Amino acid sequence: MNVKRILVIADPKGSSQKALAHAALMAEQFKARLHIAGFCYDRLSLLDDNMTKPDIALVKDKIMQANSTWLDETIATHSLPKNTTDEMVWSKDITSWVTSHCAKNKYDLIIKTGHRSEHAFLCTHRLASFAQW
């Protein structure tokens, strides 16, 4: 297996960073480059109706900055290659972002941890598919 570039979806803030831990091992094993994407999103439409668009943009920028700082600090606590890159993404749809990003960038591997609720959904979906047979 020839793995040179790995896309890592960082676990949410407040979670143990299993994806980063796995990525560190894989990068070391394959001498691969890592690109880490963290995600944040808030429904800014719930803000006060009297806020101007520039004020809302400022709130979004502050949220992005705080989350970018958190991601940088989190990355610093892991033994990752020096050529590791990262970005904070404003999106609630991780799947669409990953699809679009991978269409523009070549990765040999994507690392993302799963969550119990996702597994339950996948199992339910599979059972529904089998029920149609």
N, C-alpha and C. Protein backbone atom coordinates (compact mmCIF):
# COMPACT_ATOMS: atom_id res chain seq x y z
N MET A 1 0.85 -1.18 0.00
CA MET A 1 0.00 0.00 0.00
C MET A 1 0.90 1.24 0.00
N ASN A 2 0.64 2.15 -0.92
CA ASN A 2 1.43 3.36 -1.05
C ASN A 2 0.59 4.56 -0.61
N VAL A 3 0.75 4.98 0.63
CA VAL A 3 -0.02 6.08 1.19
C VAL A 3 0.92 7.27 1.38
N LYS A 4 0.69 8.31 0.61
CA LYS A 4 1.53 9.50 0.68
C LYS A 4 0.81 10.71 1.25
N ARG A 5 -0.50 10.81 1.02
CA ARG A 5 -1.28 11.96 1.51
C ARG A 5 -2.53 11.46 2.23
N ILE A 6 -2.73 11.98 3.43
CA ILE A 6 -3.86 11.56 4.26
C ILE A 6 -4.67 12.79 4.66
N LEU A 7 -5.98 12.71 4.44
CA LEU A 7 -6.91 13.74 4.92
C LEU A 7 -7.47 13.25 6.25
N VAL A 8 -7.39 14.11 7.25
CA VAL A 8 -7.86 13.76 8.59
C VAL A 8 -8.99 14.71 8.97
N ILE A 9 -10.13 14.15 9.33
CA ILE A 9 -11.24 14.95 9.83
C ILE A 9 -11.11 14.95 11.35
N ALA A 10 -10.77 16.10 11.90
CA ALA A 10 -10.57 16.21 13.36
C ALA A 10 -11.87 15.90 14.09
N ASP A 11 -11.75 15.26 15.22
CA ASP A 11 -12.92 15.02 16.06
C ASP A 11 -13.43 16.35 16.60
N PRO A 12 -14.71 16.40 16.95
CA PRO A 12 -15.27 17.67 17.45
C PRO A 12 -14.57 18.15 18.72
N LYS A 13 -14.62 19.44 18.91
CA LYS A 13 -14.08 20.06 20.12
C LYS A 13 -14.73 19.39 21.33
N GLY A 14 -13.92 19.07 22.32
CA GLY A 14 -14.46 18.43 23.53
C GLY A 14 -14.42 16.92 23.47
N SER A 15 -14.07 16.35 22.31
CA SER A 15 -13.97 14.90 22.16
C SER A 15 -12.51 14.49 22.22
N SER A 16 -12.29 13.22 22.56
CA SER A 16 -10.91 12.73 22.47
C SER A 16 -10.54 12.70 20.99
N GLN A 17 -9.34 13.06 20.70
CA GLN A 17 -8.90 13.21 19.31
C GLN A 17 -8.33 11.91 18.76
N LYS A 18 -9.20 10.91 18.61
CA LYS A 18 -8.78 9.60 18.12
C LYS A 18 -8.32 9.66 16.67
N ALA A 19 -8.95 10.49 15.87
CA ALA A 19 -8.56 10.61 14.46
C ALA A 19 -7.12 11.11 14.35
N LEU A 20 -6.76 12.10 15.16
CA LEU A 20 -5.39 12.62 15.13
C LEU A 20 -4.39 11.58 15.62
N ALA A 21 -4.77 10.82 16.64
CA ALA A 21 -3.88 9.78 17.15
C ALA A 21 -3.63 8.71 16.08
N HIS A 22 -4.70 8.28 15.40
CA HIS A 22 -4.55 7.29 14.32
C HIS A 22 -3.74 7.87 13.17
N ALA A 23 -3.99 9.12 12.85
CA ALA A 23 -3.27 9.76 11.75
C ALA A 23 -1.77 9.84 12.04
N ALA A 24 -1.42 10.13 13.30
CA ALA A 24 -0.01 10.20 13.67
C ALA A 24 0.68 8.87 13.43
N LEU A 25 0.02 7.78 13.80
CA LEU A 25 0.58 6.44 13.58
C LEU A 25 0.72 6.13 12.09
N MET A 26 -0.33 6.44 11.34
CA MET A 26 -0.31 6.15 9.90
C MET A 26 0.74 7.00 9.18
N ALA A 27 0.87 8.25 9.56
CA ALA A 27 1.86 9.13 8.93
C ALA A 27 3.27 8.62 9.20
N GLU A 28 3.49 8.16 10.42
CA GLU A 28 4.81 7.63 10.75
C GLU A 28 5.09 6.34 9.98
N GLN A 29 4.11 5.46 9.93
CA GLN A 29 4.28 4.18 9.25
C GLN A 29 4.55 4.36 7.76
N PHE A 30 3.79 5.25 7.11
CA PHE A 30 3.89 5.41 5.66
C PHE A 30 4.72 6.61 5.22
N LYS A 31 5.24 7.38 6.18
CA LYS A 31 5.97 8.62 5.84
C LYS A 31 5.08 9.53 4.99
N ALA A 32 3.84 9.64 5.41
CA ALA A 32 2.83 10.38 4.65
C ALA A 32 2.66 11.80 5.18
N ARG A 33 2.14 12.66 4.30
CA ARG A 33 1.77 14.03 4.67
C ARG A 33 0.32 14.03 5.15
N LEU A 34 0.05 14.87 6.13
CA LEU A 34 -1.30 14.98 6.68
C LEU A 34 -1.89 16.35 6.37
N HIS A 35 -3.18 16.36 6.08
CA HIS A 35 -3.94 17.61 6.03
C HIS A 35 -5.13 17.40 6.96
N ILE A 36 -5.23 18.24 7.98
CA ILE A 36 -6.27 18.09 8.99
C ILE A 36 -7.33 19.16 8.80
N ALA A 37 -8.57 18.71 8.74
CA ALA A 37 -9.71 19.62 8.60
C ALA A 37 -10.56 19.55 9.86
N GLY A 38 -10.75 20.71 10.47
CA GLY A 38 -11.67 20.82 11.59
C GLY A 38 -12.93 21.51 11.09
N PHE A 39 -14.03 21.25 11.74
CA PHE A 39 -15.30 21.82 11.28
C PHE A 39 -15.99 22.57 12.40
N CYS A 40 -16.59 23.70 12.04
CA CYS A 40 -17.42 24.44 12.97
C CYS A 40 -18.59 25.04 12.19
N TYR A 41 -19.67 25.24 12.89
CA TYR A 41 -20.85 25.84 12.26
C TYR A 41 -21.82 26.24 13.37
N ASP A 42 -22.41 27.39 13.23
CA ASP A 42 -23.47 27.85 14.12
C ASP A 42 -24.55 28.49 13.28
N ARG A 43 -25.77 28.33 13.69
CA ARG A 43 -26.89 28.94 12.96
C ARG A 43 -26.94 30.42 13.28
N LEU A 44 -26.28 31.19 12.47
CA LEU A 44 -26.22 32.64 12.69
C LEU A 44 -27.56 33.31 12.42
N SER A 45 -28.45 32.61 11.76
CA SER A 45 -29.77 33.17 11.50
C SER A 45 -30.57 33.36 12.79
N LEU A 46 -30.11 32.72 13.86
CA LEU A 46 -30.80 32.85 15.14
C LEU A 46 -30.39 34.10 15.91
N LEU A 47 -29.40 34.83 15.39
CA LEU A 47 -28.95 36.05 16.04
C LEU A 47 -30.03 37.13 15.93
N ASP A 48 -29.87 38.14 16.70
CA ASP A 48 -30.81 39.27 16.75
C ASP A 48 -31.09 39.81 15.34
N ASP A 49 -32.35 40.02 15.02
CA ASP A 49 -32.74 40.54 13.71
C ASP A 49 -32.18 41.94 13.43
N ASN A 50 -31.80 42.65 14.47
CA ASN A 50 -31.28 44.01 14.31
C ASN A 50 -29.79 44.03 13.95
N MET A 51 -29.15 42.88 13.93
CA MET A 51 -27.72 42.84 13.60
C MET A 51 -27.54 43.03 12.10
N THR A 52 -26.53 43.80 11.75
CA THR A 52 -26.23 44.04 10.34
C THR A 52 -25.43 42.86 9.78
N LYS A 53 -25.36 42.77 8.46
CA LYS A 53 -24.57 41.71 7.84
C LYS A 53 -23.11 41.78 8.25
N PRO A 54 -22.50 42.97 8.32
CA PRO A 54 -21.12 43.03 8.80
C PRO A 54 -20.96 42.54 10.24
N ASP A 55 -21.97 42.82 11.09
CA ASP A 55 -21.91 42.33 12.47
C ASP A 55 -21.98 40.81 12.51
N ILE A 56 -22.84 40.25 11.69
CA ILE A 56 -22.97 38.79 11.62
C ILE A 56 -21.68 38.17 11.09
N ALA A 57 -21.09 38.80 10.08
CA ALA A 57 -19.81 38.33 9.53
C ALA A 57 -18.72 38.37 10.60
N LEU A 58 -18.74 39.39 11.44
CA LEU A 58 -17.77 39.50 12.51
C LEU A 58 -17.94 38.37 13.53
N VAL A 59 -19.19 38.05 13.84
CA VAL A 59 -19.45 36.93 14.76
C VAL A 59 -18.91 35.63 14.16
N LYS A 60 -19.19 35.41 12.88
CA LYS A 60 -18.69 34.20 12.21
C LYS A 60 -17.16 34.17 12.25
N ASP A 61 -16.51 35.29 11.96
CA ASP A 61 -15.04 35.36 11.99
C ASP A 61 -14.50 35.03 13.37
N LYS A 62 -15.15 35.53 14.42
CA LYS A 62 -14.69 35.25 15.79
C LYS A 62 -14.85 33.77 16.13
N ILE A 63 -15.94 33.17 15.69
CA ILE A 63 -16.15 31.74 15.92
C ILE A 63 -15.08 30.93 15.19
N MET A 64 -14.83 31.30 13.93
CA MET A 64 -13.80 30.61 13.14
C MET A 64 -12.43 30.78 13.79
N GLN A 65 -12.11 31.98 14.23
CA GLN A 65 -10.80 32.24 14.84
C GLN A 65 -10.63 31.42 16.12
N ALA A 66 -11.65 31.38 16.96
CA ALA A 66 -11.57 30.60 18.20
C ALA A 66 -11.39 29.12 17.91
N ASN A 67 -12.11 28.62 16.92
CA ASN A 67 -11.99 27.20 16.57
C ASN A 67 -10.66 26.90 15.89
N SER A 68 -10.15 27.82 15.10
CA SER A 68 -8.83 27.64 14.48
C SER A 68 -7.74 27.59 15.53
N THR A 69 -7.84 28.45 16.53
CA THR A 69 -6.88 28.44 17.63
C THR A 69 -6.93 27.12 18.36
N TRP A 70 -8.15 26.65 18.66
CA TRP A 70 -8.31 25.36 19.32
C TRP A 70 -7.68 24.24 18.48
N LEU A 71 -7.92 24.24 17.16
CA LEU A 71 -7.37 23.19 16.30
C LEU A 71 -5.84 23.24 16.31
N ASP A 72 -5.27 24.42 16.19
CA ASP A 72 -3.81 24.56 16.22
C ASP A 72 -3.23 24.05 17.54
N GLU A 73 -3.87 24.40 18.65
CA GLU A 73 -3.41 23.93 19.96
C GLU A 73 -3.54 22.42 20.10
N THR A 74 -4.62 21.88 19.57
CA THR A 74 -4.85 20.44 19.62
C THR A 74 -3.81 19.70 18.78
N ILE A 75 -3.55 20.20 17.60
CA ILE A 75 -2.55 19.59 16.72
C ILE A 75 -1.17 19.61 17.39
N ALA A 76 -0.87 20.69 18.10
CA ALA A 76 0.44 20.82 18.74
C ALA A 76 0.67 19.77 19.82
N THR A 77 -0.40 19.19 20.35
CA THR A 77 -0.26 18.19 21.41
C THR A 77 -0.03 16.79 20.86
N HIS A 78 -0.05 16.63 19.56
CA HIS A 78 0.17 15.32 18.93
C HIS A 78 1.51 15.33 18.17
N SER A 79 2.11 14.18 18.08
CA SER A 79 3.38 14.04 17.35
C SER A 79 3.09 13.82 15.88
N LEU A 80 2.89 14.92 15.17
CA LEU A 80 2.56 14.86 13.76
C LEU A 80 3.75 15.33 12.93
N PRO A 81 3.81 14.92 11.65
CA PRO A 81 4.91 15.38 10.79
C PRO A 81 4.95 16.90 10.71
N LYS A 82 6.15 17.44 10.54
CA LYS A 82 6.31 18.90 10.48
C LYS A 82 5.60 19.52 9.27
N ASN A 83 5.41 18.74 8.21
CA ASN A 83 4.77 19.27 7.01
C ASN A 83 3.24 19.13 7.05
N THR A 84 2.68 18.86 8.22
CA THR A 84 1.23 18.75 8.38
C THR A 84 0.58 20.11 8.16
N THR A 85 -0.50 20.13 7.40
CA THR A 85 -1.26 21.36 7.19
C THR A 85 -2.64 21.19 7.82
N ASP A 86 -3.30 22.31 8.07
CA ASP A 86 -4.64 22.22 8.66
C ASP A 86 -5.48 23.41 8.21
N GLU A 87 -6.76 23.24 8.37
CA GLU A 87 -7.71 24.33 8.10
C GLU A 87 -8.97 24.12 8.91
N MET A 88 -9.61 25.22 9.24
CA MET A 88 -10.91 25.18 9.91
C MET A 88 -11.95 25.50 8.85
N VAL A 89 -12.97 24.67 8.77
CA VAL A 89 -13.99 24.78 7.73
C VAL A 89 -15.32 25.15 8.37
N TRP A 90 -16.00 26.12 7.78
CA TRP A 90 -17.33 26.54 8.23
C TRP A 90 -18.34 25.74 7.40
N SER A 91 -18.84 24.67 7.97
CA SER A 91 -19.82 23.84 7.27
C SER A 91 -20.48 22.89 8.24
N LYS A 92 -21.76 22.67 8.06
CA LYS A 92 -22.44 21.65 8.86
C LYS A 92 -22.54 20.34 8.07
N ASP A 93 -22.16 20.37 6.80
CA ASP A 93 -22.24 19.19 5.94
C ASP A 93 -20.83 18.70 5.61
N ILE A 94 -20.29 17.89 6.50
CA ILE A 94 -18.92 17.40 6.34
C ILE A 94 -18.78 16.56 5.08
N THR A 95 -19.76 15.73 4.80
CA THR A 95 -19.69 14.84 3.64
C THR A 95 -19.55 15.62 2.34
N SER A 96 -20.34 16.65 2.15
CA SER A 96 -20.26 17.44 0.91
C SER A 96 -18.91 18.15 0.81
N TRP A 97 -18.42 18.67 1.94
CA TRP A 97 -17.12 19.34 1.90
C TRP A 97 -16.02 18.36 1.52
N VAL A 98 -16.03 17.18 2.14
CA VAL A 98 -14.99 16.17 1.85
C VAL A 98 -15.05 15.77 0.38
N THR A 99 -16.24 15.55 -0.15
CA THR A 99 -16.39 15.18 -1.56
C THR A 99 -15.82 16.25 -2.46
N SER A 100 -16.17 17.50 -2.21
CA SER A 100 -15.69 18.62 -3.01
C SER A 100 -14.18 18.79 -2.88
N HIS A 101 -13.68 18.71 -1.65
CA HIS A 101 -12.25 18.89 -1.40
C HIS A 101 -11.43 17.78 -2.07
N CYS A 102 -11.92 16.56 -1.99
CA CYS A 102 -11.19 15.43 -2.58
C CYS A 102 -11.23 15.46 -4.11
N ALA A 103 -12.22 16.12 -4.67
CA ALA A 103 -12.28 16.26 -6.13
C ALA A 103 -11.16 17.19 -6.62
N LYS A 104 -10.71 18.09 -5.74
CA LYS A 104 -9.67 19.06 -6.10
C LYS A 104 -8.28 18.65 -5.60
N ASN A 105 -8.23 17.74 -4.65
CA ASN A 105 -6.97 17.33 -4.02
C ASN A 105 -6.90 15.82 -3.97
N LYS A 106 -5.73 15.28 -4.21
CA LYS A 106 -5.57 13.83 -4.24
C LYS A 106 -5.13 13.33 -2.86
N TYR A 107 -5.90 12.42 -2.29
CA TYR A 107 -5.56 11.77 -1.03
C TYR A 107 -5.59 10.27 -1.24
N ASP A 108 -4.70 9.60 -0.52
CA ASP A 108 -4.65 8.15 -0.58
C ASP A 108 -5.48 7.52 0.53
N LEU A 109 -5.80 8.32 1.55
CA LEU A 109 -6.53 7.79 2.70
C LEU A 109 -7.25 8.94 3.39
N ILE A 110 -8.43 8.66 3.90
CA ILE A 110 -9.20 9.63 4.70
C ILE A 110 -9.44 8.99 6.06
N ILE A 111 -9.13 9.73 7.12
CA ILE A 111 -9.36 9.23 8.48
C ILE A 111 -10.40 10.10 9.15
N LYS A 112 -11.47 9.44 9.60
CA LYS A 112 -12.52 10.10 10.37
C LYS A 112 -13.07 9.08 11.34
N THR A 113 -13.22 9.48 12.58
CA THR A 113 -13.80 8.56 13.54
C THR A 113 -15.32 8.54 13.37
N GLY A 114 -15.91 7.45 13.76
CA GLY A 114 -17.37 7.32 13.71
C GLY A 114 -17.95 7.60 15.08
N HIS A 115 -19.22 7.80 15.12
CA HIS A 115 -19.90 8.04 16.38
C HIS A 115 -21.06 7.07 16.47
N ARG A 116 -21.39 6.69 17.66
CA ARG A 116 -22.40 5.67 17.90
C ARG A 116 -23.70 5.97 17.15
N SER A 117 -24.14 7.23 17.12
CA SER A 117 -25.39 7.56 16.44
C SER A 117 -25.28 7.30 14.93
N GLU A 118 -24.08 7.54 14.35
CA GLU A 118 -23.90 7.27 12.93
C GLU A 118 -24.00 5.78 12.65
N HIS A 119 -23.40 4.97 13.53
CA HIS A 119 -23.47 3.52 13.34
C HIS A 119 -24.91 3.04 13.42
N ALA A 120 -25.66 3.59 14.36
CA ALA A 120 -27.06 3.19 14.49
C ALA A 120 -27.82 3.53 13.22
N PHE A 121 -27.55 4.70 12.65
CA PHE A 121 -28.22 5.10 11.41
C PHE A 121 -27.85 4.16 10.27
N LEU A 122 -26.55 3.84 10.16
CA LEU A 122 -26.12 2.96 9.07
C LEU A 122 -26.74 1.59 9.20
N CYS A 123 -26.80 1.06 10.43
CA CYS A 123 -27.41 -0.25 10.62
C CYS A 123 -28.88 -0.22 10.23
N THR A 124 -29.58 0.82 10.66
CA THR A 124 -30.99 0.95 10.33
C THR A 124 -31.17 1.05 8.82
N HIS A 125 -30.31 1.82 8.17
CA HIS A 125 -30.38 1.98 6.72
C HIS A 125 -30.15 0.64 6.02
N ARG A 126 -29.18 -0.11 6.48
CA ARG A 126 -28.89 -1.41 5.88
C ARG A 126 -30.05 -2.36 6.07
N LEU A 127 -30.63 -2.35 7.27
CA LEU A 127 -31.77 -3.24 7.52
C LEU A 127 -32.94 -2.87 6.61
N ALA A 128 -33.16 -1.58 6.43
CA ALA A 128 -34.23 -1.14 5.54
C ALA A 128 -33.96 -1.59 4.12
N SER A 129 -32.71 -1.56 3.69
CA SER A 129 -32.36 -2.00 2.33
C SER A 129 -32.60 -3.49 2.19
N PHE A 130 -32.23 -4.26 3.21
CA PHE A 130 -32.42 -5.70 3.14
C PHE A 130 -33.90 -6.06 3.17
N ALA A 131 -34.71 -5.26 3.87
CA ALA A 131 -36.13 -5.55 3.97
C ALA A 131 -36.81 -5.45 2.61
N GLN A 132 -36.23 -4.68 1.69
CA GLN A 132 -36.84 -4.53 0.37
C GLN A 132 -36.65 -5.77 -0.48
N TRP A 133 -35.70 -6.63 -0.13
CA TRP A 133 -35.43 -7.84 -0.92
C TRP A 133 -36.54 -8.78 -0.68
